[in-house]
């Protein structure tokens, strides 16, 4: 099997269009939970075309499930609420800015303690239950890949992913409790 072109990446919540579902915060004093399932996939020999992420499972992403990818989840709600207070705040720009940060930069921004650590299973999935006070923000950072199925020559972790809650289905505008 030729591994010359190799791509690891894409969490079900791809950064390409995560901003499409950002909505203004609503006042709500109740805390709810949301279940987030990360899908880690691997492509061999050919990178996939970019595809919109709508927050629900999409069977046509392609790729093969990759077990053994570990993600740390940081509660970035305080940073998000500070950003919301700025008159020129743009949710899409703010979320995208996190995709280029290294773990060192993330820690320097004040996100030093993960609220959860999850590792993908044989189906390439890792699930985490998060508290959702509105508004809320969580940063997912891939920290390692330990895989015995594939010979991985280019260990490129997924870019950090900022998830803003509540999260809405881009088709129905319904709030999702499972992402």
Foldseek 3Di string as FASTA:
>chain_A
DDQPDKDKADWLCALPALLLFDDDWDADDDKDKAKEKTFIFMDGPDDDDDDHRQQDDDPPPDGAAAWAWKKFKFWCFVVVVVLVPDPPRDVSVVQVVQQPDDPVVVVVVPRDDGPDMWTADNRNMTMDMDMCDIWTKMKIDTDDGDGDPDDDPDPDYYGIGMHIPQGARSVPRHGHRYD
